[in-house]
Amino acid sequence: MTHFQKYAYEELWRYYAFARADGKDGLIAGEELSSVAVTCLDSSGTDKSSTMISDAAVHTTKTTAIYKLKGGTAGETYTVVVKVTTTNGQKIEGTATVEVL
């Protein structure tokens, strides 16, 4: 799980790599992402995706998800969940925690 911080005003492009140099990923040689879905939950589990996430897509690398993370409430911690489907039919999930300052 990745943890990072951002200010409430910021709108940032974020990336989630599913192919890693250390080999600790679920992709096989030549496998690429075919779809991306990103959600964002506040600390009480309320879905904030409609106001905080936009433009989720497969990055040009084909093994990385990209999305824009917007806004949030200062003092709140959110969990971003990135779910992908691959060209081999795998379904893989990753999470990141973001603290809004």
N, C-alpha and C. Protein backbone atom coordinates (compact mmCIF):
# COMPACT_ATOMS: atom_id res chain seq x y z
N MET A 1 0.85 -1.18 0.00
CA MET A 1 0.00 0.00 0.00
C MET A 1 0.89 1.24 0.00
N THR A 2 0.64 2.13 -0.91
CA THR A 2 1.38 3.38 -1.02
C THR A 2 0.68 4.44 -0.19
N HIS A 3 1.46 5.30 0.47
CA HIS A 3 0.88 6.40 1.23
C HIS A 3 1.49 7.70 0.74
N PHE A 4 0.64 8.71 0.52
CA PHE A 4 1.14 10.02 0.15
C PHE A 4 0.23 11.09 0.69
N GLN A 5 0.69 12.34 0.59
CA GLN A 5 -0.07 13.49 1.08
C GLN A 5 -0.31 14.47 -0.06
N LYS A 6 -1.41 15.24 0.04
CA LYS A 6 -1.69 16.31 -0.91
C LYS A 6 -2.50 17.38 -0.20
N TYR A 7 -2.49 18.57 -0.76
CA TYR A 7 -3.32 19.65 -0.24
C TYR A 7 -4.70 19.58 -0.88
N ALA A 8 -5.73 20.06 -0.16
CA ALA A 8 -7.11 19.99 -0.64
C ALA A 8 -7.27 20.70 -1.98
N TYR A 9 -6.54 21.77 -2.22
CA TYR A 9 -6.65 22.53 -3.45
C TYR A 9 -6.14 21.77 -4.67
N GLU A 10 -5.19 20.87 -4.48
CA GLU A 10 -4.49 20.23 -5.58
C GLU A 10 -5.35 19.26 -6.38
N GLU A 11 -5.08 19.25 -7.68
CA GLU A 11 -5.60 18.24 -8.61
C GLU A 11 -4.38 17.64 -9.26
N LEU A 12 -4.09 16.38 -8.93
CA LEU A 12 -2.83 15.75 -9.33
C LEU A 12 -3.06 14.50 -10.16
N TRP A 13 -2.22 14.30 -11.17
CA TRP A 13 -2.21 13.03 -11.88
C TRP A 13 -1.45 12.03 -11.03
N ARG A 14 -2.03 10.88 -10.82
CA ARG A 14 -1.40 9.81 -10.05
C ARG A 14 -1.29 8.58 -10.94
N TYR A 15 -0.29 7.77 -10.66
CA TYR A 15 -0.03 6.56 -11.42
C TYR A 15 0.04 5.38 -10.47
N TYR A 16 -0.41 4.23 -10.94
CA TYR A 16 -0.27 3.01 -10.15
C TYR A 16 0.31 1.96 -11.09
N ALA A 17 1.55 1.57 -10.84
CA ALA A 17 2.24 0.61 -11.71
C ALA A 17 1.93 -0.82 -11.29
N PHE A 18 1.52 -1.62 -12.24
CA PHE A 18 1.22 -3.03 -11.97
C PHE A 18 2.36 -3.94 -12.41
N ALA A 19 3.32 -3.43 -13.17
CA ALA A 19 4.54 -4.17 -13.51
C ALA A 19 5.68 -3.46 -12.79
N ARG A 20 6.38 -4.20 -11.94
CA ARG A 20 7.42 -3.58 -11.12
C ARG A 20 8.77 -4.22 -11.41
N ALA A 21 9.81 -3.44 -11.24
CA ALA A 21 11.17 -3.92 -11.50
C ALA A 21 11.57 -5.06 -10.57
N ASP A 22 10.98 -5.12 -9.35
CA ASP A 22 11.35 -6.17 -8.40
C ASP A 22 10.63 -7.50 -8.67
N GLY A 23 9.78 -7.54 -9.70
CA GLY A 23 9.10 -8.77 -10.06
C GLY A 23 7.94 -9.16 -9.17
N LYS A 24 7.58 -8.31 -8.20
CA LYS A 24 6.49 -8.61 -7.28
C LYS A 24 5.18 -8.02 -7.80
N ASP A 25 4.75 -8.54 -8.92
CA ASP A 25 3.49 -8.08 -9.49
C ASP A 25 2.75 -9.29 -10.05
N GLY A 26 1.57 -9.06 -10.56
CA GLY A 26 0.76 -10.16 -11.07
C GLY A 26 0.77 -10.28 -12.57
N LEU A 27 1.59 -9.48 -13.27
CA LEU A 27 1.61 -9.52 -14.72
C LEU A 27 2.64 -10.52 -15.22
N ILE A 28 2.29 -11.24 -16.28
CA ILE A 28 3.25 -12.14 -16.91
C ILE A 28 3.89 -11.41 -18.08
N ALA A 29 4.94 -11.95 -18.62
CA ALA A 29 5.66 -11.32 -19.73
C ALA A 29 4.70 -11.01 -20.88
N GLY A 30 4.70 -9.75 -21.33
CA GLY A 30 3.87 -9.33 -22.45
C GLY A 30 2.44 -8.97 -22.09
N GLU A 31 2.04 -9.19 -20.86
CA GLU A 31 0.66 -8.89 -20.45
C GLU A 31 0.50 -7.39 -20.25
N GLU A 32 -0.67 -6.88 -20.64
CA GLU A 32 -0.96 -5.45 -20.51
C GLU A 32 -2.30 -5.24 -19.82
N LEU A 33 -2.52 -4.03 -19.34
CA LEU A 33 -3.82 -3.67 -18.76
C LEU A 33 -4.79 -3.40 -19.89
N SER A 34 -6.03 -3.83 -19.72
CA SER A 34 -7.06 -3.55 -20.73
C SER A 34 -8.14 -2.62 -20.21
N SER A 35 -8.33 -2.56 -18.89
CA SER A 35 -9.31 -1.62 -18.33
C SER A 35 -8.90 -1.21 -16.92
N VAL A 36 -9.36 -0.02 -16.52
CA VAL A 36 -9.02 0.55 -15.22
C VAL A 36 -10.28 1.12 -14.58
N ALA A 37 -10.47 0.85 -13.29
CA ALA A 37 -11.54 1.48 -12.50
C ALA A 37 -10.92 1.95 -11.19
N VAL A 38 -11.15 3.22 -10.85
CA VAL A 38 -10.56 3.79 -9.64
C VAL A 38 -11.67 4.34 -8.76
N THR A 39 -11.64 3.98 -7.47
CA THR A 39 -12.59 4.51 -6.51
C THR A 39 -11.83 5.15 -5.35
N CYS A 40 -12.53 6.01 -4.61
CA CYS A 40 -11.93 6.71 -3.49
C CYS A 40 -12.92 6.71 -2.32
N LEU A 41 -12.48 6.19 -1.18
CA LEU A 41 -13.33 6.09 0.01
C LEU A 41 -12.75 6.94 1.12
N ASP A 42 -13.62 7.66 1.85
CA ASP A 42 -13.12 8.42 3.00
C ASP A 42 -12.95 7.46 4.19
N SER A 43 -12.51 7.99 5.32
CA SER A 43 -12.19 7.14 6.47
C SER A 43 -13.40 6.41 7.05
N SER A 44 -14.61 6.87 6.74
CA SER A 44 -15.81 6.16 7.21
C SER A 44 -16.34 5.19 6.17
N GLY A 45 -15.65 5.08 5.02
CA GLY A 45 -16.07 4.15 3.98
C GLY A 45 -17.02 4.73 2.96
N THR A 46 -17.29 6.03 3.04
CA THR A 46 -18.19 6.69 2.09
C THR A 46 -17.47 6.90 0.76
N ASP A 47 -18.12 6.52 -0.33
CA ASP A 47 -17.55 6.64 -1.67
C ASP A 47 -17.51 8.11 -2.10
N LYS A 48 -16.32 8.63 -2.35
CA LYS A 48 -16.11 10.01 -2.78
C LYS A 48 -15.59 10.08 -4.21
N SER A 49 -15.70 8.98 -4.93
CA SER A 49 -15.14 8.88 -6.28
C SER A 49 -15.66 9.95 -7.23
N SER A 50 -16.95 10.26 -7.16
CA SER A 50 -17.54 11.19 -8.13
C SER A 50 -16.95 12.60 -8.03
N THR A 51 -16.47 12.98 -6.86
CA THR A 51 -15.89 14.32 -6.70
C THR A 51 -14.37 14.32 -6.64
N MET A 52 -13.76 13.16 -6.41
CA MET A 52 -12.31 13.14 -6.22
C MET A 52 -11.51 12.42 -7.30
N ILE A 53 -12.16 11.63 -8.15
CA ILE A 53 -11.46 10.85 -9.16
C ILE A 53 -12.00 11.21 -10.54
N SER A 54 -11.10 11.40 -11.50
CA SER A 54 -11.53 11.56 -12.89
C SER A 54 -10.45 11.02 -13.83
N ASP A 55 -10.83 10.83 -15.06
CA ASP A 55 -9.90 10.47 -16.14
C ASP A 55 -9.09 9.20 -15.90
N ALA A 56 -9.68 8.19 -15.28
CA ALA A 56 -8.98 6.91 -15.07
C ALA A 56 -8.80 6.23 -16.42
N ALA A 57 -7.58 5.73 -16.66
CA ALA A 57 -7.28 5.12 -17.95
C ALA A 57 -6.03 4.24 -17.83
N VAL A 58 -5.78 3.48 -18.89
CA VAL A 58 -4.53 2.74 -19.01
C VAL A 58 -3.50 3.72 -19.56
N HIS A 59 -2.36 3.84 -18.88
CA HIS A 59 -1.27 4.71 -19.32
C HIS A 59 -0.63 4.14 -20.59
N THR A 60 0.09 4.96 -21.31
CA THR A 60 0.73 4.52 -22.56
C THR A 60 1.71 3.37 -22.36
N THR A 61 2.20 3.17 -21.14
CA THR A 61 3.10 2.05 -20.86
C THR A 61 2.38 0.71 -20.96
N LYS A 62 1.05 0.74 -20.85
CA LYS A 62 0.17 -0.44 -20.90
C LYS A 62 0.24 -1.33 -19.66
N THR A 63 1.09 -0.98 -18.68
CA THR A 63 1.17 -1.75 -17.44
C THR A 63 0.92 -0.86 -16.22
N THR A 64 0.50 0.38 -16.46
CA THR A 64 0.29 1.36 -15.40
C THR A 64 -1.08 2.00 -15.56
N ALA A 65 -1.78 2.19 -14.44
CA ALA A 65 -3.05 2.92 -14.44
C ALA A 65 -2.76 4.39 -14.14
N ILE A 66 -3.53 5.29 -14.73
CA ILE A 66 -3.39 6.72 -14.49
C ILE A 66 -4.77 7.28 -14.13
N TYR A 67 -4.80 8.26 -13.23
CA TYR A 67 -6.06 8.92 -12.87
C TYR A 67 -5.74 10.28 -12.27
N LYS A 68 -6.74 11.16 -12.25
CA LYS A 68 -6.58 12.47 -11.62
C LYS A 68 -7.27 12.42 -10.27
N LEU A 69 -6.53 12.83 -9.23
CA LEU A 69 -7.04 12.89 -7.86
C LEU A 69 -7.28 14.35 -7.51
N LYS A 70 -8.52 14.68 -7.15
CA LYS A 70 -8.92 16.07 -6.94
C LYS A 70 -9.47 16.29 -5.53
N GLY A 71 -9.22 17.50 -5.02
CA GLY A 71 -9.87 17.97 -3.80
C GLY A 71 -9.66 17.13 -2.57
N GLY A 72 -10.75 16.94 -1.83
CA GLY A 72 -10.71 16.27 -0.55
C GLY A 72 -10.84 17.27 0.58
N THR A 73 -11.07 16.78 1.76
CA THR A 73 -11.24 17.62 2.95
C THR A 73 -9.98 17.57 3.79
N ALA A 74 -9.45 18.74 4.13
CA ALA A 74 -8.24 18.81 4.95
C ALA A 74 -8.46 18.05 6.25
N GLY A 75 -7.48 17.23 6.63
CA GLY A 75 -7.56 16.43 7.84
C GLY A 75 -8.13 15.05 7.62
N GLU A 76 -8.64 14.77 6.44
CA GLU A 76 -9.25 13.46 6.13
C GLU A 76 -8.22 12.56 5.44
N THR A 77 -8.31 11.27 5.70
CA THR A 77 -7.49 10.28 5.02
C THR A 77 -8.40 9.42 4.15
N TYR A 78 -7.99 9.23 2.90
CA TYR A 78 -8.79 8.50 1.92
C TYR A 78 -8.04 7.26 1.46
N THR A 79 -8.80 6.25 1.04
CA THR A 79 -8.23 5.06 0.43
C THR A 79 -8.62 5.06 -1.04
N VAL A 80 -7.62 5.03 -1.90
CA VAL A 80 -7.84 4.95 -3.34
C VAL A 80 -7.65 3.49 -3.74
N VAL A 81 -8.64 2.94 -4.44
CA VAL A 81 -8.59 1.55 -4.88
C VAL A 81 -8.54 1.53 -6.40
N VAL A 82 -7.50 0.89 -6.94
CA VAL A 82 -7.31 0.80 -8.38
C VAL A 82 -7.52 -0.66 -8.78
N LYS A 83 -8.54 -0.90 -9.59
CA LYS A 83 -8.83 -2.26 -10.07
C LYS A 83 -8.62 -2.29 -11.58
N VAL A 84 -7.90 -3.32 -12.03
CA VAL A 84 -7.63 -3.44 -13.46
C VAL A 84 -7.98 -4.84 -13.95
N THR A 85 -8.23 -4.91 -15.24
CA THR A 85 -8.36 -6.18 -15.94
C THR A 85 -7.24 -6.21 -16.96
N THR A 86 -6.66 -7.39 -17.17
CA THR A 86 -5.52 -7.49 -18.09
C THR A 86 -5.93 -8.19 -19.39
N THR A 87 -5.02 -8.13 -20.34
CA THR A 87 -5.26 -8.77 -21.63
C THR A 87 -5.34 -10.29 -21.52
N ASN A 88 -4.87 -10.86 -20.42
CA ASN A 88 -4.99 -12.31 -20.18
C ASN A 88 -6.16 -12.64 -19.28
N GLY A 89 -7.01 -11.65 -18.99
CA GLY A 89 -8.21 -11.89 -18.19
C GLY A 89 -8.00 -11.85 -16.69
N GLN A 90 -6.80 -11.50 -16.24
CA GLN A 90 -6.59 -11.37 -14.80
C GLN A 90 -7.31 -10.12 -14.28
N LYS A 91 -7.72 -10.17 -13.04
CA LYS A 91 -8.27 -9.02 -12.33
C LYS A 91 -7.35 -8.75 -11.16
N ILE A 92 -6.75 -7.54 -11.13
CA ILE A 92 -5.76 -7.20 -10.12
C ILE A 92 -6.17 -5.91 -9.44
N GLU A 93 -5.91 -5.83 -8.14
CA GLU A 93 -6.30 -4.66 -7.35
C GLU A 93 -5.09 -4.12 -6.58
N GLY A 94 -5.03 -2.79 -6.50
CA GLY A 94 -4.01 -2.12 -5.70
C GLY A 94 -4.63 -0.99 -4.92
N THR A 95 -4.03 -0.61 -3.79
CA THR A 95 -4.58 0.47 -2.98
C THR A 95 -3.49 1.48 -2.63
N ALA A 96 -3.93 2.70 -2.37
CA ALA A 96 -3.06 3.76 -1.90
C ALA A 96 -3.85 4.57 -0.87
N THR A 97 -3.16 5.08 0.12
CA THR A 97 -3.77 5.93 1.13
C THR A 97 -3.28 7.35 0.90
N VAL A 98 -4.22 8.30 0.89
CA VAL A 98 -3.85 9.71 0.72
C VAL A 98 -4.37 10.52 1.89
N GLU A 99 -3.48 11.29 2.47
CA GLU A 99 -3.84 12.19 3.56
C GLU A 99 -3.94 13.60 2.97
N VAL A 100 -5.10 14.25 3.17
CA VAL A 100 -5.29 15.59 2.64
C VAL A 100 -4.91 16.59 3.73
N LEU A 101 -4.03 17.52 3.37
CA LEU A 101 -3.53 18.52 4.29
C LEU A 101 -4.32 19.82 4.18
